[in-house]
């Protein structure tokens, strides 16, 4: 008898031969657990999450959120449960910063990550699909935008460490 990979219960004999879960509930729970496991504690533990409506931050109830008002932010779990808007976002500050690289290949992103002096927490594909977010531990300071030379190629890099909203995709890059 086959058993569910999540709860250990029996998988129905009439289920597909390659079924790993006994029910949709167990399949979805396992998927969510894998998604959660991708994020480091520094991103998940602090109540710095919001929903997103396009590129605009909103609260879990759908009202505007502010990158300078922590009372409009929520936990990762609450933001994931909410149906407001069309995605998730995270607020920067209190030790969390982000490099935003535009129009880079995975190889360029990996080369850039090797140059970062802060502790890299998480790297994901940006919403555009051709950029990368590199989340780091960082002291709060003024943001900047620069064109850097990386292996002889110019890349556009923005760095933010406070009072900034980043729309996340949770599409982790294994860098």
Protein backbone atom coordinates (compact mmCIF):
# COMPACT_ATOMS: atom_id res chain seq x y z
CA UNK A 1 0.00 0.00 0.00
CA UNK A 2 1.29 3.47 -0.93
CA UNK A 3 1.35 6.18 1.72
CA UNK A 4 1.09 9.96 1.59
CA UNK A 5 4.44 11.79 1.65
CA UNK A 6 2.99 14.43 3.99
CA UNK A 7 0.70 12.71 6.50
CA UNK A 8 1.62 9.05 6.05
CA UNK A 9 -2.00 8.09 5.37
CA UNK A 10 -2.98 5.63 2.65
CA UNK A 11 -3.19 6.77 -0.96
CA UNK A 12 -6.37 5.57 -2.65
CA UNK A 13 -5.81 2.56 -4.92
CA UNK A 14 -7.64 4.43 -7.71
CA UNK A 15 -5.27 7.42 -7.52
CA UNK A 16 -2.73 8.05 -10.26
CA UNK A 17 0.24 5.72 -10.16
CA UNK A 18 2.62 8.63 -9.54
CA UNK A 19 0.52 10.27 -6.78
CA UNK A 20 2.57 11.29 -3.74
CA UNK A 21 -0.27 12.64 -1.59
CA UNK A 22 -3.54 11.24 -0.30
CA UNK A 23 -5.53 14.43 -0.97
CA UNK A 24 -5.44 17.88 -2.48
CA UNK A 25 -5.17 19.26 1.05
CA UNK A 26 -1.93 17.33 1.70
CA UNK A 27 -0.54 18.23 -1.74
CA UNK A 28 -1.19 21.94 -1.20
CA UNK A 29 0.18 21.84 2.37
CA UNK A 30 3.36 20.16 1.13
CA UNK A 31 3.74 22.74 -1.65
CA UNK A 32 3.34 25.60 0.84
CA UNK A 33 5.85 24.01 3.19
CA UNK A 34 8.37 23.80 0.33
CA UNK A 35 7.76 27.47 -0.53
CA UNK A 36 8.22 28.47 3.12
CA UNK A 37 11.39 26.38 3.37
CA UNK A 38 12.91 28.40 0.53
CA UNK A 39 12.89 31.61 2.55
CA UNK A 40 15.42 32.31 5.30
CA UNK A 41 14.18 33.07 8.80
CA UNK A 42 15.39 36.69 8.56
CA UNK A 43 12.81 37.27 5.81
CA UNK A 44 9.95 35.28 7.31
CA UNK A 45 10.17 35.94 11.04
CA UNK A 46 9.83 39.73 11.08
CA UNK A 47 6.44 41.34 10.37
CA UNK A 48 7.60 43.16 7.25
CA UNK A 49 5.29 41.61 4.64
CA UNK A 50 2.52 43.21 2.61
CA UNK A 51 0.40 42.32 -0.36
CA UNK A 52 0.98 43.97 -3.71
CA UNK A 53 -1.37 45.43 -6.30
CA UNK A 54 0.85 45.70 -9.33
CA UNK A 55 3.91 47.51 -8.00
CA UNK A 56 1.97 49.24 -5.22
CA UNK A 57 2.10 47.92 -1.62
CA UNK A 58 -1.23 47.21 0.08
CA UNK A 59 -2.21 45.75 3.43
CA UNK A 60 -3.69 42.29 3.82
CA UNK A 61 -7.12 43.97 3.81
CA UNK A 62 -6.40 45.81 0.56
CA UNK A 63 -5.82 49.35 1.84
CA UNK A 64 -2.60 51.22 0.93
CA UNK A 65 0.51 50.18 2.87
CA UNK A 66 3.42 52.47 3.65
CA UNK A 67 7.11 51.67 3.57
CA UNK A 68 7.55 54.02 6.56
CA UNK A 69 4.62 52.83 8.72
CA UNK A 70 5.19 49.37 10.19
CA UNK A 71 1.58 49.23 11.42
CA UNK A 72 0.55 48.62 7.79
CA UNK A 73 2.77 45.53 7.51
CA UNK A 74 2.02 41.95 8.56
CA UNK A 75 3.60 38.56 8.99
CA UNK A 76 4.59 36.38 6.07
CA UNK A 77 1.86 33.87 6.96
CA UNK A 78 -0.86 36.54 7.06
CA UNK A 79 0.30 38.03 3.76
CA UNK A 80 0.29 34.58 2.12
CA UNK A 81 -3.25 33.87 3.39
CA UNK A 82 -4.62 37.18 2.16
CA UNK A 83 -6.34 37.38 -1.21
CA UNK A 84 -5.86 41.15 -1.54
CA UNK A 85 -4.03 42.35 -4.64
CA UNK A 86 -2.07 40.11 -6.94
CA UNK A 87 1.10 39.20 -5.07
CA UNK A 88 3.48 39.70 -2.17
CA UNK A 89 6.03 42.28 -1.19
CA UNK A 90 8.50 42.91 1.58
CA UNK A 91 9.54 46.14 3.28
CA UNK A 92 13.23 46.87 3.68
CA UNK A 93 14.99 48.21 6.75
CA UNK A 94 15.83 47.00 10.26
CA UNK A 95 18.74 44.98 8.91
CA UNK A 96 17.23 43.88 5.57
CA UNK A 97 18.51 45.33 2.30
CA UNK A 98 18.19 44.45 -1.35
CA UNK A 99 20.21 44.81 -4.53
CA UNK A 100 17.99 45.06 -7.60
CA UNK A 101 19.78 44.03 -10.79
CA UNK A 102 18.12 44.71 -14.15
CA UNK A 103 18.60 42.82 -17.41
CA UNK A 104 21.10 40.24 -16.19
CA UNK A 105 21.69 36.60 -16.98
CA UNK A 106 21.84 34.00 -14.23
CA UNK A 107 25.62 33.85 -14.75
CA UNK A 108 25.95 37.63 -14.31
CA UNK A 109 23.76 37.48 -11.20
CA UNK A 110 25.92 34.71 -9.74
CA UNK A 111 29.09 36.73 -10.49
CA UNK A 112 27.55 39.79 -8.81
CA UNK A 113 26.57 37.80 -5.70
CA UNK A 114 30.22 36.72 -5.34
CA UNK A 115 31.19 40.43 -5.08
CA UNK A 116 28.66 41.29 -2.35
CA UNK A 117 30.31 41.95 1.01
CA UNK A 118 27.12 41.68 3.13
CA UNK A 119 25.60 38.34 4.11
CA UNK A 120 23.39 37.19 1.22
CA UNK A 121 20.08 35.83 2.52
CA UNK A 122 18.08 35.04 -0.58
CA UNK A 123 18.25 35.54 -4.35
CA UNK A 124 15.15 35.57 -6.54
CA UNK A 125 14.09 36.40 -10.06
CA UNK A 126 12.42 39.81 -10.24
CA UNK A 127 8.89 40.37 -11.50
CA UNK A 128 10.10 41.40 -14.98
CA UNK A 129 11.65 37.96 -15.43
CA UNK A 130 14.97 39.38 -16.61
CA UNK A 131 16.24 40.86 -13.35
CA UNK A 132 17.28 39.62 -9.93
CA UNK A 133 16.73 40.65 -6.31
CA UNK A 134 19.59 39.90 -3.92
CA UNK A 135 18.38 40.21 -0.31
CA UNK A 136 21.16 40.90 2.20
CA UNK A 137 21.68 41.83 5.83
CA UNK A 138 22.64 45.50 5.77
CA UNK A 139 22.74 48.59 7.91
CA UNK A 140 20.27 51.29 6.93
CA UNK A 141 21.70 53.96 4.68
CA UNK A 142 20.74 56.00 1.66
CA UNK A 143 19.93 53.99 -1.45
CA UNK A 144 21.79 54.31 -4.72
CA UNK A 145 21.61 53.43 -8.41
CA UNK A 146 24.75 52.70 -10.42
CA UNK A 147 26.00 51.05 -13.54
CA UNK A 148 28.73 48.62 -12.52
CA UNK A 149 31.22 46.78 -14.69
CA UNK A 150 31.09 43.04 -14.16
CA UNK A 151 33.45 40.91 -16.23
CA UNK A 152 33.65 43.79 -18.71
CA UNK A 153 29.87 44.08 -19.03
CA UNK A 154 27.85 47.01 -17.65
CA UNK A 155 24.95 46.06 -15.36
CA UNK A 156 22.39 48.33 -13.74
CA UNK A 157 22.28 47.92 -9.95
CA UNK A 158 20.10 49.60 -7.34
CA UNK A 159 20.71 49.13 -3.61
CA UNK A 160 18.11 49.84 -0.93
CA UNK A 161 18.27 49.26 2.81
CA UNK A 162 15.41 51.29 4.28
CA UNK A 163 11.94 52.66 3.65
CA UNK A 164 11.49 50.70 0.45
CA UNK A 165 8.99 48.16 -0.85
CA UNK A 166 10.19 45.26 -3.01
CA UNK A 167 7.64 43.19 -4.93
CA UNK A 168 8.68 39.56 -4.51
CA UNK A 169 8.19 36.59 -6.79
CA UNK A 170 9.47 33.82 -4.46
CA UNK A 171 11.16 32.34 -7.54
CA UNK A 172 14.42 31.43 -5.85
CA UNK A 173 17.62 31.29 -7.86
CA UNK A 174 20.08 28.65 -6.67
CA UNK A 175 23.06 31.00 -6.48
